[in-house]
Amino acid sequence: MQGSAIGSPIGHKCMLVAAKVLALSAVDLLQNPEVLKEARADLDRRLKDRTYTTRIPAGQKAPRSIR
């Protein structure tokens, strides 16, 4: 999504669709634990040789607004 869509009707619609997709994906995973196990195994395989490090500095506070 482009930054120009923030606060616009099309931006709002896109966010609603994205939220629905994420929510229904979670429902699918909760209803089928085997798929969740497979997804976790796939993630572990992909990240096997990687270490997670955050790019957010320690003590960084969340922004008050996106605008």
C-alpha atoms as a PDB file:
ATOM      1  CA  MET A   1       0.000   0.000   0.000  1.00  0.00           C
ATOM      2  CA  GLN A   2       1.275   3.463  -0.790  1.00  0.00           C
ATOM      3  CA  GLY A   3       1.750   6.151   1.824  1.00  0.00           C
ATOM      4  CA  SER A   4      -0.665   8.384  -0.086  1.00  0.00           C
ATOM      5  CA  ALA A   5      -3.461   5.919   0.719  1.00  0.00           C
ATOM      6  CA  ILE A   6      -3.201   6.618   4.459  1.00  0.00           C
ATOM      7  CA  GLY A   7      -6.464   8.078   5.678  1.00  0.00           C
ATOM      8  CA  SER A   8      -8.184   7.661   2.302  1.00  0.00           C
ATOM      9  CA  PRO A   9     -11.215   5.462   1.627  1.00  0.00           C
ATOM     10  CA  ILE A  10      -9.185   3.065  -0.545  1.00  0.00           C
ATOM     11  CA  GLY A  11      -6.537   2.814   2.162  1.00  0.00           C
ATOM     12  CA  HIS A  12      -9.225   2.009   4.711  1.00  0.00           C
ATOM     13  CA  LYS A  13     -10.709  -0.690   2.475  1.00  0.00           C
ATOM     14  CA  CYS A  14      -7.280  -2.241   1.925  1.00  0.00           C
ATOM     15  CA  MET A  15      -6.646  -2.373   5.659  1.00  0.00           C
ATOM     16  CA  LEU A  16     -10.013  -4.049   6.252  1.00  0.00           C
ATOM     17  CA  VAL A  17      -9.274  -6.691   3.626  1.00  0.00           C
ATOM     18  CA  ALA A  18      -5.814  -7.298   5.097  1.00  0.00           C
ATOM     19  CA  ALA A  19      -7.289  -7.635   8.601  1.00  0.00           C
ATOM     20  CA  LYS A  20      -9.878 -10.142   7.363  1.00  0.00           C
ATOM     21  CA  VAL A  21      -7.214 -12.205   5.597  1.00  0.00           C
ATOM     22  CA  LEU A  22      -5.060 -12.313   8.732  1.00  0.00           C
ATOM     23  CA  ALA A  23      -8.015 -13.180  10.975  1.00  0.00           C
ATOM     24  CA  LEU A  24      -9.263 -15.970   8.731  1.00  0.00           C
ATOM     25  CA  SER A  25      -5.748 -17.345   8.383  1.00  0.00           C
ATOM     26  CA  ALA A  26      -5.533 -17.523  12.179  1.00  0.00           C
ATOM     27  CA  VAL A  27      -8.885 -19.327  12.293  1.00  0.00           C
ATOM     28  CA  ASP A  28      -7.615 -21.855   9.738  1.00  0.00           C
ATOM     29  CA  LEU A  29      -4.513 -22.493  11.829  1.00  0.00           C
ATOM     30  CA  LEU A  30      -6.505 -22.876  15.036  1.00  0.00           C
ATOM     31  CA  GLN A  31      -8.929 -25.303  13.422  1.00  0.00           C
ATOM     32  CA  ASN A  32      -6.150 -27.462  11.977  1.00  0.00           C
ATOM     33  CA  PRO A  33      -3.231 -27.876  14.388  1.00  0.00           C
ATOM     34  CA  GLU A  34      -1.353 -30.063  11.876  1.00  0.00           C
ATOM     35  CA  VAL A  35      -1.092 -27.120   9.473  1.00  0.00           C
ATOM     36  CA  LEU A  36       0.246 -24.996  12.322  1.00  0.00           C
ATOM     37  CA  LYS A  37       2.909 -27.616  13.056  1.00  0.00           C
ATOM     38  CA  GLU A  38       3.868 -27.728   9.378  1.00  0.00           C
ATOM     39  CA  ALA A  39       4.082 -23.927   9.216  1.00  0.00           C
ATOM     40  CA  ARG A  40       6.284 -23.828  12.317  1.00  0.00           C
ATOM     41  CA  ALA A  41       8.561 -26.525  10.908  1.00  0.00           C
ATOM     42  CA  ASP A  42       8.836 -24.591   7.640  1.00  0.00           C
ATOM     43  CA  LEU A  43       9.704 -21.384   9.508  1.00  0.00           C
ATOM     44  CA  ASP A  44      12.318 -23.160  11.617  1.00  0.00           C
ATOM     45  CA  ARG A  45      13.845 -24.672   8.470  1.00  0.00           C
ATOM     46  CA  ARG A  46      14.002 -21.280   6.705  1.00  0.00           C
ATOM     47  CA  LEU A  47      15.502 -19.476   9.706  1.00  0.00           C
ATOM     48  CA  LYS A  48      17.856 -22.282  10.730  1.00  0.00           C
ATOM     49  CA  ASP A  49      21.059 -20.329  10.087  1.00  0.00           C
ATOM     50  CA  ARG A  50      19.761 -16.872  10.971  1.00  0.00           C
ATOM     51  CA  THR A  51      19.702 -14.940  14.225  1.00  0.00           C
ATOM     52  CA  TYR A  52      17.007 -12.335  14.834  1.00  0.00           C
ATOM     53  CA  THR A  53      18.229  -8.879  15.789  1.00  0.00           C
ATOM     54  CA  THR A  54      15.894  -5.945  16.044  1.00  0.00           C
ATOM     55  CA  ARG A  55      16.672  -2.731  14.218  1.00  0.00           C
ATOM     56  CA  ILE A  56      14.765  -0.708  16.795  1.00  0.00           C
ATOM     57  CA  PRO A  57      17.149   0.977  19.226  1.00  0.00           C
ATOM     58  CA  ALA A  58      16.844   0.066  22.905  1.00  0.00           C
ATOM     59  CA  GLY A  59      14.508   2.464  24.710  1.00  0.00           C
ATOM     60  CA  GLN A  60      12.815   3.642  21.497  1.00  0.00           C
ATOM     61  CA  LYS A  61       9.249   4.751  22.151  1.00  0.00           C
ATOM     62  CA  ALA A  62       6.421   4.202  19.690  1.00  0.00           C
ATOM     63  CA  PRO A  63       5.463   7.236  17.585  1.00  0.00           C
ATOM     64  CA  ARG A  64       2.411   9.138  18.764  1.00  0.00           C
ATOM     65  CA  SER A  65       1.006   9.504  15.283  1.00  0.00           C
ATOM     66  CA  ILE A  66       1.776   8.375  11.752  1.00  0.00           C
ATOM     67  CA  ARG A  67       1.082  11.823  10.413  1.00  0.00           C
END
